[in-house]
Amino acid sequence: MSHRRRIRVITGAALLLLTATACSAGKTTVGTLSFRAHDSPVEVTYSNTPVQGCHRIGLPHGAAHVENNTLVDVVLYRTPQCQKTDEAVGIYVPTTTSNVTAPGSLPWRSFSVVH
């Protein structure tokens, strides 16, 4: 393999890797994601949330109700850092749906976006 071709192959591989890792950088959800605590009128709504990372739900005692009015699916977690545990795996909530926790179960504390 010639030196020039080797440089082109390495450059192409580097560009492909950069494109794959940056494809969701800067992207946000379209629509709103609303959370409400059990038996509470207070609601927290997120708009244009970044699709990357873990997002804490801004309710002091967590959320029991969610309405996903975005164009993306989300996963809800019972831990503040989007961690799954043996007792509490993530709950998948598809786009344009809602969900409610079961009575007596732990509230949701964080969420991540499926992208």
C-alpha atoms as a PDB file:
ATOM      1  CA  MET A   1       0.000   0.000   0.000  1.00  0.00           C
ATOM      2  CA  SER A   2       1.406   3.344  -1.003  1.00  0.00           C
ATOM      3  CA  HIS A   3       2.046   6.078   1.544  1.00  0.00           C
ATOM      4  CA  ARG A   4      -0.594   8.332  -0.011  1.00  0.00           C
ATOM      5  CA  ARG A   5      -3.259   5.620   0.031  1.00  0.00           C
ATOM      6  CA  ARG A   6      -2.443   4.730   3.634  1.00  0.00           C
ATOM      7  CA  ILE A   7      -2.946   8.388   4.656  1.00  0.00           C
ATOM      8  CA  ARG A   8      -6.302   8.464   2.821  1.00  0.00           C
ATOM      9  CA  VAL A   9      -7.468   5.291   4.582  1.00  0.00           C
ATOM     10  CA  ILE A  10      -6.448   6.630   8.004  1.00  0.00           C
ATOM     11  CA  THR A  11      -8.061  10.010   7.289  1.00  0.00           C
ATOM     12  CA  GLY A  12     -11.276   8.330   6.106  1.00  0.00           C
ATOM     13  CA  ALA A  13     -11.424   6.137   9.203  1.00  0.00           C
ATOM     14  CA  ALA A  14     -10.885   9.155  11.463  1.00  0.00           C
ATOM     15  CA  LEU A  15     -13.662  11.109   9.703  1.00  0.00           C
ATOM     16  CA  LEU A  16     -16.028   8.152   9.964  1.00  0.00           C
ATOM     17  CA  LEU A  17     -15.347   7.818  13.691  1.00  0.00           C
ATOM     18  CA  LEU A  18     -15.811  11.554  14.238  1.00  0.00           C
ATOM     19  CA  THR A  19     -19.107  11.524  12.335  1.00  0.00           C
ATOM     20  CA  ALA A  20     -20.407   8.524  14.277  1.00  0.00           C
ATOM     21  CA  THR A  21     -19.617  10.062  17.667  1.00  0.00           C
ATOM     22  CA  ALA A  22     -20.894  13.536  16.830  1.00  0.00           C
ATOM     23  CA  CYS A  23     -24.136  12.619  15.063  1.00  0.00           C
ATOM     24  CA  SER A  24     -26.329  13.462  18.080  1.00  0.00           C
ATOM     25  CA  ALA A  25     -24.216  16.293  19.486  1.00  0.00           C
ATOM     26  CA  GLY A  26     -26.290  19.427  19.871  1.00  0.00           C
ATOM     27  CA  LYS A  27     -29.596  17.729  19.018  1.00  0.00           C
ATOM     28  CA  THR A  28     -32.607  18.208  21.265  1.00  0.00           C
ATOM     29  CA  THR A  29     -36.028  16.681  21.713  1.00  0.00           C
ATOM     30  CA  VAL A  30     -38.895  18.297  19.830  1.00  0.00           C
ATOM     31  CA  GLY A  31     -41.968  18.813  22.009  1.00  0.00           C
ATOM     32  CA  THR A  32     -42.509  18.637  25.758  1.00  0.00           C
ATOM     33  CA  LEU A  33     -41.919  16.080  28.474  1.00  0.00           C
ATOM     34  CA  SER A  34     -44.055  16.750  31.563  1.00  0.00           C
ATOM     35  CA  PHE A  35     -43.738  15.252  35.046  1.00  0.00           C
ATOM     36  CA  ARG A  36     -46.026  15.437  38.062  1.00  0.00           C
ATOM     37  CA  ALA A  37     -45.671  14.029  41.567  1.00  0.00           C
ATOM     38  CA  HIS A  38     -48.294  11.700  43.061  1.00  0.00           C
ATOM     39  CA  ASP A  39     -51.464  13.633  44.051  1.00  0.00           C
ATOM     40  CA  SER A  40     -49.875  16.987  43.245  1.00  0.00           C
ATOM     41  CA  PRO A  41     -50.966  19.772  40.904  1.00  0.00           C
ATOM     42  CA  VAL A  42     -47.335  20.889  40.464  1.00  0.00           C
ATOM     43  CA  GLU A  43     -45.939  19.939  37.069  1.00  0.00           C
ATOM     44  CA  VAL A  44     -42.426  20.251  35.657  1.00  0.00           C
ATOM     45  CA  THR A  45     -42.134  20.468  31.884  1.00  0.00           C
ATOM     46  CA  TYR A  46     -38.979  20.071  29.796  1.00  0.00           C
ATOM     47  CA  SER A  47     -38.731  21.417  26.248  1.00  0.00           C
ATOM     48  CA  ASN A  48     -35.883  20.969  23.769  1.00  0.00           C
ATOM     49  CA  THR A  49     -33.963  18.692  26.130  1.00  0.00           C
ATOM     50  CA  PRO A  50     -30.549  17.543  24.840  1.00  0.00           C
ATOM     51  CA  VAL A  51     -30.725  13.962  23.576  1.00  0.00           C
ATOM     52  CA  GLN A  52     -27.429  13.063  25.220  1.00  0.00           C
ATOM     53  CA  GLY A  53     -26.862  12.379  28.891  1.00  0.00           C
ATOM     54  CA  CYS A  54     -28.924  11.845  32.007  1.00  0.00           C
ATOM     55  CA  HIS A  55     -31.467  14.440  33.129  1.00  0.00           C
ATOM     56  CA  ARG A  56     -32.705  14.764  36.714  1.00  0.00           C
ATOM     57  CA  ILE A  57     -36.410  15.302  37.196  1.00  0.00           C
ATOM     58  CA  GLY A  58     -36.843  18.607  39.008  1.00  0.00           C
ATOM     59  CA  LEU A  59     -39.438  17.518  41.586  1.00  0.00           C
ATOM     60  CA  PRO A  60     -38.318  17.214  45.232  1.00  0.00           C
ATOM     61  CA  HIS A  61     -39.991  13.834  45.766  1.00  0.00           C
ATOM     62  CA  GLY A  62     -39.712  12.537  42.214  1.00  0.00           C
ATOM     63  CA  ALA A  63     -42.427  11.978  39.624  1.00  0.00           C
ATOM     64  CA  ALA A  64     -45.330   9.561  39.500  1.00  0.00           C
ATOM     65  CA  HIS A  65     -46.887  10.730  36.207  1.00  0.00           C
ATOM     66  CA  VAL A  66     -45.226  11.447  32.866  1.00  0.00           C
ATOM     67  CA  GLU A  67     -46.522  12.675  29.527  1.00  0.00           C
ATOM     68  CA  ASN A  68     -44.134  12.256  26.625  1.00  0.00           C
ATOM     69  CA  ASN A  69     -45.279  14.707  23.963  1.00  0.00           C
ATOM     70  CA  THR A  70     -41.956  14.640  22.109  1.00  0.00           C
ATOM     71  CA  LEU A  71     -40.886  13.017  18.859  1.00  0.00           C
ATOM     72  CA  VAL A  72     -38.483  10.672  20.701  1.00  0.00           C
ATOM     73  CA  ASP A  73     -38.759   7.853  23.228  1.00  0.00           C
ATOM     74  CA  VAL A  74     -37.426   8.194  26.785  1.00  0.00           C
ATOM     75  CA  VAL A  75     -36.351   5.854  29.577  1.00  0.00           C
ATOM     76  CA  LEU A  76     -37.284   6.760  33.169  1.00  0.00           C
ATOM     77  CA  TYR A  77     -35.175   5.729  36.162  1.00  0.00           C
ATOM     78  CA  ARG A  78     -35.845   5.540  39.894  1.00  0.00           C
ATOM     79  CA  THR A  79     -32.323   6.785  40.645  1.00  0.00           C
ATOM     80  CA  PRO A  80     -31.004  10.370  40.213  1.00  0.00           C
ATOM     81  CA  GLN A  81     -28.181   9.318  37.826  1.00  0.00           C
ATOM     82  CA  CYS A  82     -30.081   7.084  35.364  1.00  0.00           C
ATOM     83  CA  GLN A  83     -28.789   3.921  36.991  1.00  0.00           C
ATOM     84  CA  LYS A  84     -30.590   0.608  36.720  1.00  0.00           C
ATOM     85  CA  THR A  85     -30.832  -1.571  39.825  1.00  0.00           C
ATOM     86  CA  ASP A  86     -32.071  -5.116  40.355  1.00  0.00           C
ATOM     87  CA  GLU A  87     -35.264  -3.738  41.909  1.00  0.00           C
ATOM     88  CA  ALA A  88     -35.741  -0.845  39.489  1.00  0.00           C
ATOM     89  CA  VAL A  89     -34.915  -1.243  35.839  1.00  0.00           C
ATOM     90  CA  GLY A  90     -35.557   1.621  33.448  1.00  0.00           C
ATOM     91  CA  ILE A  91     -39.129   2.208  32.247  1.00  0.00           C
ATOM     92  CA  TYR A  92     -39.479   2.774  28.486  1.00  0.00           C
ATOM     93  CA  VAL A  93     -41.984   5.477  27.485  1.00  0.00           C
ATOM     94  CA  PRO A  94     -42.550   5.769  23.726  1.00  0.00           C
ATOM     95  CA  THR A  95     -43.216   9.054  21.976  1.00  0.00           C
ATOM     96  CA  THR A  96     -46.660  10.666  22.447  1.00  0.00           C
ATOM     97  CA  THR A  97     -47.633   8.389  25.357  1.00  0.00           C
ATOM     98  CA  SER A  98     -47.958   8.698  29.118  1.00  0.00           C
ATOM     99  CA  ASN A  99     -47.240   6.502  32.115  1.00  0.00           C
ATOM    100  CA  VAL A 100     -48.065   6.392  35.835  1.00  0.00           C
ATOM    101  CA  THR A 101     -46.151   4.629  38.610  1.00  0.00           C
ATOM    102  CA  ALA A 102     -47.851   1.765  40.423  1.00  0.00           C
ATOM    103  CA  PRO A 103     -49.211   2.604  43.895  1.00  0.00           C
ATOM    104  CA  GLY A 104     -46.523   2.209  46.552  1.00  0.00           C
ATOM    105  CA  SER A 105     -43.652   2.062  44.060  1.00  0.00           C
ATOM    106  CA  LEU A 106     -40.658   4.364  44.007  1.00  0.00           C
ATOM    107  CA  PRO A 107     -40.960   7.619  42.027  1.00  0.00           C
ATOM    108  CA  TRP A 108     -38.960   8.405  38.916  1.00  0.00           C
ATOM    109  CA  ARG A 109     -35.916  10.602  39.595  1.00  0.00           C
ATOM    110  CA  SER A 110     -34.193  10.910  36.187  1.00  0.00           C
ATOM    111  CA  PHE A 111     -34.580  10.190  32.494  1.00  0.00           C
ATOM    112  CA  SER A 112     -32.556   9.680  29.336  1.00  0.00           C
ATOM    113  CA  VAL A 113     -33.546  10.080  25.691  1.00  0.00           C
ATOM    114  CA  VAL A 114     -33.441   7.149  23.286  1.00  0.00           C
ATOM    115  CA  HIS A 115     -31.558   8.281  20.167  1.00  0.00           C
END
